[in-house]
């Protein structure tokens, strides 16, 4: 059961990383030598994907142990939070893309 709890913790940490990296990108966009923004964006999207993957594996774990009450109790919340994670990650990275391409066009 400890491993299953680590899936949720890892998912949470990676979800936060998925949101923090684009914010860091946006805060550093005025620096002339900040050329690693693509790396930050790819890492952000990857962290989001791995976070969602961990939630899928946690749900699979609940199915394997036949914990139907846990599935029933948490499925709506997991689906809602996964949607929020994905949408916010996409929006933050899209804003980063617009800011950096706008900066590149001005140069």
N, C-alpha and C. Protein backbone atom coordinates (compact mmCIF):
# COMPACT_ATOMS: atom_id res chain seq x y z
N UNK A 1 0.83 -1.21 0.00
CA UNK A 1 0.00 0.00 0.00
C UNK A 1 0.86 1.25 0.00
N UNK A 2 2.08 1.15 0.53
CA UNK A 2 2.97 2.30 0.55
C UNK A 2 3.28 2.78 -0.86
N UNK A 3 3.49 1.83 -1.79
CA UNK A 3 3.79 2.19 -3.17
C UNK A 3 2.63 2.94 -3.81
N UNK A 4 1.41 2.53 -3.50
CA UNK A 4 0.24 3.20 -4.05
C UNK A 4 0.15 4.63 -3.53
N UNK A 5 0.47 4.84 -2.28
CA UNK A 5 0.48 6.20 -1.73
C UNK A 5 1.54 7.07 -2.38
N UNK A 6 2.66 6.44 -2.73
CA UNK A 6 3.72 7.19 -3.42
C UNK A 6 3.29 7.62 -4.81
N UNK A 7 2.41 6.87 -5.45
CA UNK A 7 1.88 7.28 -6.75
C UNK A 7 1.12 8.60 -6.62
N UNK A 8 0.30 8.71 -5.58
CA UNK A 8 -0.45 9.96 -5.37
C UNK A 8 0.48 11.11 -5.02
N UNK A 9 1.46 10.86 -4.16
CA UNK A 9 2.41 11.91 -3.79
C UNK A 9 3.23 12.35 -5.00
N UNK A 10 3.72 11.38 -5.76
CA UNK A 10 4.49 11.70 -6.96
C UNK A 10 3.66 12.46 -7.96
N UNK A 11 2.42 12.10 -8.11
CA UNK A 11 1.52 12.79 -9.02
C UNK A 11 1.33 14.24 -8.60
N UNK A 12 1.16 14.47 -7.31
CA UNK A 12 1.00 15.83 -6.80
C UNK A 12 2.25 16.66 -7.04
N UNK A 13 3.41 16.11 -6.72
CA UNK A 13 4.67 16.83 -6.89
C UNK A 13 4.91 17.16 -8.36
N UNK A 14 4.70 16.19 -9.23
CA UNK A 14 4.91 16.44 -10.66
C UNK A 14 3.89 17.43 -11.22
N UNK A 15 2.67 17.38 -10.70
CA UNK A 15 1.66 18.37 -11.11
C UNK A 15 2.09 19.79 -10.74
N UNK A 16 2.63 19.93 -9.55
CA UNK A 16 3.12 21.26 -9.13
C UNK A 16 4.31 21.70 -9.98
N UNK A 17 5.20 20.77 -10.30
CA UNK A 17 6.34 21.09 -11.18
C UNK A 17 5.83 21.53 -12.55
N UNK A 18 4.79 20.86 -13.05
CA UNK A 18 4.23 21.20 -14.35
C UNK A 18 3.71 22.63 -14.37
N UNK A 19 3.26 23.15 -13.25
CA UNK A 19 2.78 24.54 -13.18
C UNK A 19 3.90 25.52 -12.85
N UNK A 20 4.86 25.11 -12.05
CA UNK A 20 5.92 26.02 -11.62
C UNK A 20 6.87 26.36 -12.75
N UNK A 21 7.23 25.39 -13.58
CA UNK A 21 8.21 25.64 -14.64
C UNK A 21 7.77 26.72 -15.64
N UNK A 22 6.53 26.73 -16.12
CA UNK A 22 6.15 27.82 -17.02
C UNK A 22 6.14 29.19 -16.33
N UNK A 23 5.79 29.19 -15.05
CA UNK A 23 5.82 30.46 -14.30
C UNK A 23 7.25 30.97 -14.20
N UNK A 24 8.20 30.07 -13.92
CA UNK A 24 9.61 30.45 -13.89
C UNK A 24 10.03 30.98 -15.26
N UNK A 25 9.59 30.31 -16.32
CA UNK A 25 9.86 30.77 -17.68
C UNK A 25 9.37 32.19 -17.90
N UNK A 26 8.15 32.45 -17.49
CA UNK A 26 7.57 33.77 -17.69
C UNK A 26 8.27 34.84 -16.86
N UNK A 27 8.72 34.48 -15.68
CA UNK A 27 9.44 35.44 -14.83
C UNK A 27 10.82 35.77 -15.38
N UNK A 28 11.40 34.86 -16.17
CA UNK A 28 12.74 35.08 -16.70
C UNK A 28 12.73 35.52 -18.16
N UNK A 29 11.58 35.82 -18.72
CA UNK A 29 11.54 36.10 -20.15
C UNK A 29 12.25 37.40 -20.54
N UNK A 30 12.48 38.29 -19.62
CA UNK A 30 13.18 39.54 -19.94
C UNK A 30 14.69 39.40 -19.94
N UNK A 31 15.19 38.29 -19.44
CA UNK A 31 16.64 38.09 -19.41
C UNK A 31 17.12 37.77 -20.82
N UNK A 32 18.14 38.48 -21.25
CA UNK A 32 18.63 38.35 -22.62
C UNK A 32 19.20 36.96 -22.89
N UNK A 33 19.79 36.33 -21.90
CA UNK A 33 20.46 35.05 -22.14
C UNK A 33 19.62 33.84 -21.73
N UNK A 34 18.33 34.03 -21.52
CA UNK A 34 17.47 32.91 -21.12
C UNK A 34 17.05 32.15 -22.37
N UNK A 35 17.86 31.17 -22.76
CA UNK A 35 17.61 30.41 -23.98
C UNK A 35 17.09 29.00 -23.70
N UNK A 36 16.86 28.68 -22.46
CA UNK A 36 16.44 27.33 -22.09
C UNK A 36 14.93 27.23 -21.90
N UNK A 37 14.18 28.18 -22.43
CA UNK A 37 12.75 28.18 -22.19
C UNK A 37 12.06 26.97 -22.82
N UNK A 38 12.58 26.47 -23.94
CA UNK A 38 11.98 25.31 -24.58
C UNK A 38 12.15 24.08 -23.67
N UNK A 39 13.33 23.95 -23.06
CA UNK A 39 13.58 22.85 -22.13
C UNK A 39 12.58 22.90 -20.97
N UNK A 40 12.35 24.09 -20.42
CA UNK A 40 11.41 24.23 -19.31
C UNK A 40 9.99 23.85 -19.75
N UNK A 41 9.59 24.25 -20.93
CA UNK A 41 8.25 23.94 -21.42
C UNK A 41 8.08 22.45 -21.67
N UNK A 42 9.05 21.83 -22.30
CA UNK A 42 8.98 20.38 -22.55
C UNK A 42 8.96 19.62 -21.22
N UNK A 43 9.77 20.06 -20.27
CA UNK A 43 9.80 19.41 -18.96
C UNK A 43 8.46 19.58 -18.25
N UNK A 44 7.86 20.75 -18.38
CA UNK A 44 6.56 21.00 -17.78
C UNK A 44 5.49 20.07 -18.33
N UNK A 45 5.41 19.95 -19.64
CA UNK A 45 4.43 19.08 -20.27
C UNK A 45 4.71 17.62 -19.91
N UNK A 46 5.98 17.24 -19.85
CA UNK A 46 6.35 15.88 -19.47
C UNK A 46 5.94 15.59 -18.03
N UNK A 47 6.16 16.54 -17.13
CA UNK A 47 5.77 16.35 -15.73
C UNK A 47 4.26 16.18 -15.62
N UNK A 48 3.52 16.94 -16.40
CA UNK A 48 2.06 16.81 -16.41
C UNK A 48 1.66 15.42 -16.89
N UNK A 49 2.28 14.96 -17.97
CA UNK A 49 1.95 13.63 -18.52
C UNK A 49 2.27 12.52 -17.52
N UNK A 50 3.43 12.61 -16.87
CA UNK A 50 3.80 11.58 -15.90
C UNK A 50 2.88 11.62 -14.69
N UNK A 51 2.48 12.82 -14.28
CA UNK A 51 1.54 12.96 -13.17
C UNK A 51 0.22 12.27 -13.49
N UNK A 52 -0.29 12.48 -14.69
CA UNK A 52 -1.54 11.83 -15.10
C UNK A 52 -1.36 10.32 -15.22
N UNK A 53 -0.21 9.89 -15.72
CA UNK A 53 0.11 8.47 -15.82
C UNK A 53 0.08 7.82 -14.43
N UNK A 54 0.63 8.52 -13.44
CA UNK A 54 0.64 7.98 -12.07
C UNK A 54 -0.79 7.82 -11.54
N UNK A 55 -1.67 8.75 -11.87
CA UNK A 55 -3.06 8.63 -11.44
C UNK A 55 -3.74 7.45 -12.11
N UNK A 56 -3.43 7.21 -13.38
CA UNK A 56 -3.99 6.04 -14.07
C UNK A 56 -3.52 4.76 -13.40
N UNK A 57 -2.25 4.70 -13.05
CA UNK A 57 -1.74 3.50 -12.39
C UNK A 57 -2.32 3.34 -10.98
N UNK A 58 -2.57 4.44 -10.30
CA UNK A 58 -3.21 4.34 -8.98
C UNK A 58 -4.63 3.80 -9.12
N UNK A 59 -5.36 4.28 -10.13
CA UNK A 59 -6.70 3.77 -10.38
C UNK A 59 -6.65 2.28 -10.72
N UNK A 60 -5.67 1.90 -11.52
CA UNK A 60 -5.48 0.48 -11.85
C UNK A 60 -5.21 -0.34 -10.59
N UNK A 61 -4.43 0.21 -9.68
CA UNK A 61 -4.16 -0.47 -8.41
C UNK A 61 -5.46 -0.69 -7.63
N UNK A 62 -6.31 0.32 -7.59
CA UNK A 62 -7.59 0.18 -6.88
C UNK A 62 -8.46 -0.89 -7.52
N UNK A 63 -8.42 -0.98 -8.84
CA UNK A 63 -9.20 -2.02 -9.53
C UNK A 63 -8.64 -3.40 -9.19
N UNK A 64 -7.30 -3.53 -9.21
CA UNK A 64 -6.68 -4.84 -8.92
C UNK A 64 -7.02 -5.34 -7.52
N UNK A 65 -7.05 -4.42 -6.56
CA UNK A 65 -7.36 -4.85 -5.18
C UNK A 65 -8.87 -4.83 -4.91
N UNK A 66 -9.62 -4.49 -5.95
CA UNK A 66 -11.08 -4.46 -5.90
C UNK A 66 -11.62 -3.55 -4.79
N UNK A 67 -11.02 -2.38 -4.68
CA UNK A 67 -11.47 -1.38 -3.71
C UNK A 67 -12.48 -0.45 -4.40
N UNK A 68 -13.67 -1.00 -4.63
CA UNK A 68 -14.69 -0.29 -5.41
C UNK A 68 -15.17 0.97 -4.69
N UNK A 69 -15.22 0.94 -3.38
CA UNK A 69 -15.69 2.13 -2.66
C UNK A 69 -14.71 3.28 -2.83
N UNK A 70 -13.40 2.98 -2.85
CA UNK A 70 -12.42 4.05 -3.09
C UNK A 70 -12.55 4.60 -4.50
N UNK A 71 -12.79 3.74 -5.46
CA UNK A 71 -12.98 4.19 -6.84
C UNK A 71 -14.22 5.08 -6.96
N UNK A 72 -15.30 4.63 -6.35
CA UNK A 72 -16.54 5.40 -6.42
C UNK A 72 -16.38 6.75 -5.72
N UNK A 73 -15.71 6.75 -4.57
CA UNK A 73 -15.54 7.98 -3.80
C UNK A 73 -14.61 8.99 -4.46
N UNK A 74 -13.61 8.51 -5.19
CA UNK A 74 -12.58 9.43 -5.69
C UNK A 74 -12.60 9.68 -7.19
N UNK A 75 -13.36 8.91 -7.95
CA UNK A 75 -13.27 9.01 -9.42
C UNK A 75 -13.63 10.39 -9.94
N UNK A 76 -14.66 11.01 -9.40
CA UNK A 76 -15.05 12.34 -9.87
C UNK A 76 -13.97 13.38 -9.54
N UNK A 77 -13.46 13.33 -8.33
CA UNK A 77 -12.42 14.29 -7.93
C UNK A 77 -11.15 14.09 -8.76
N UNK A 78 -10.75 12.86 -8.99
CA UNK A 78 -9.54 12.59 -9.78
C UNK A 78 -9.73 13.10 -11.20
N UNK A 79 -10.89 12.84 -11.80
CA UNK A 79 -11.15 13.31 -13.16
C UNK A 79 -11.15 14.84 -13.22
N UNK A 80 -11.74 15.49 -12.23
CA UNK A 80 -11.78 16.96 -12.21
C UNK A 80 -10.39 17.57 -12.03
N UNK A 81 -9.62 17.03 -11.11
CA UNK A 81 -8.27 17.55 -10.85
C UNK A 81 -7.36 17.27 -12.04
N UNK A 82 -7.50 16.11 -12.67
CA UNK A 82 -6.69 15.79 -13.85
C UNK A 82 -7.00 16.76 -14.98
N UNK A 83 -8.27 17.09 -15.15
CA UNK A 83 -8.66 18.06 -16.17
C UNK A 83 -8.07 19.43 -15.87
N UNK A 84 -8.16 19.85 -14.62
CA UNK A 84 -7.59 21.13 -14.21
C UNK A 84 -6.08 21.16 -14.45
N UNK A 85 -5.39 20.10 -14.06
CA UNK A 85 -3.94 20.02 -14.26
C UNK A 85 -3.60 20.16 -15.73
N UNK A 86 -4.28 19.42 -16.58
CA UNK A 86 -3.98 19.45 -18.01
C UNK A 86 -4.28 20.81 -18.62
N UNK A 87 -5.44 21.38 -18.32
CA UNK A 87 -5.83 22.66 -18.91
C UNK A 87 -4.90 23.78 -18.47
N UNK A 88 -4.60 23.86 -17.18
CA UNK A 88 -3.72 24.93 -16.68
C UNK A 88 -2.31 24.77 -17.25
N UNK A 89 -1.82 23.54 -17.33
CA UNK A 89 -0.48 23.31 -17.90
C UNK A 89 -0.43 23.76 -19.35
N UNK A 90 -1.45 23.42 -20.12
CA UNK A 90 -1.50 23.83 -21.53
C UNK A 90 -1.56 25.34 -21.64
N UNK A 91 -2.39 25.98 -20.84
CA UNK A 91 -2.53 27.44 -20.90
C UNK A 91 -1.22 28.13 -20.53
N UNK A 92 -0.59 27.70 -19.44
CA UNK A 92 0.67 28.32 -19.01
C UNK A 92 1.76 28.16 -20.08
N UNK A 93 1.84 26.99 -20.67
CA UNK A 93 2.86 26.77 -21.70
C UNK A 93 2.52 27.50 -23.00
N UNK A 94 1.24 27.65 -23.30
CA UNK A 94 0.85 28.43 -24.48
C UNK A 94 1.20 29.91 -24.28
N UNK A 95 0.98 30.43 -23.08
CA UNK A 95 1.36 31.82 -22.79
C UNK A 95 2.87 31.98 -22.92
N UNK A 96 3.62 31.02 -22.41
CA UNK A 96 5.08 31.06 -22.54
C UNK A 96 5.49 31.07 -24.00
N UNK A 97 4.86 30.23 -24.80
CA UNK A 97 5.17 30.17 -26.22
C UNK A 97 4.89 31.50 -26.91
N UNK A 98 3.76 32.10 -26.61
CA UNK A 98 3.41 33.39 -27.20
C UNK A 98 4.40 34.48 -26.77
N UNK A 99 4.75 34.50 -25.50
CA UNK A 99 5.69 35.51 -25.00
C UNK A 99 7.06 35.37 -25.66
N UNK A 100 7.57 34.15 -25.74
CA UNK A 100 8.92 33.97 -26.30
C UNK A 100 8.95 34.13 -27.81
N UNK A 101 7.91 33.70 -28.53
CA UNK A 101 7.89 33.94 -29.96
C UNK A 101 7.68 35.41 -30.27
N UNK A 102 6.90 36.09 -29.44
CA UNK A 102 6.73 37.54 -29.60
C UNK A 102 8.04 38.27 -29.39
N UNK A 103 8.80 37.82 -28.40
CA UNK A 103 10.12 38.41 -28.12
C UNK A 103 11.07 38.12 -29.28
N UNK A 104 11.00 36.91 -29.83
CA UNK A 104 11.90 36.52 -30.92
C UNK A 104 11.59 37.34 -32.17
N UNK A 105 10.31 37.61 -32.41
CA UNK A 105 9.93 38.39 -33.58
C UNK A 105 10.38 39.85 -33.47
N UNK A 106 10.44 40.35 -32.24
CA UNK A 106 10.89 41.73 -32.03
C UNK A 106 12.40 41.87 -32.20
N UNK A 107 13.13 40.78 -31.95
CA UNK A 107 14.60 40.83 -32.06
C UNK A 107 15.08 40.85 -33.47
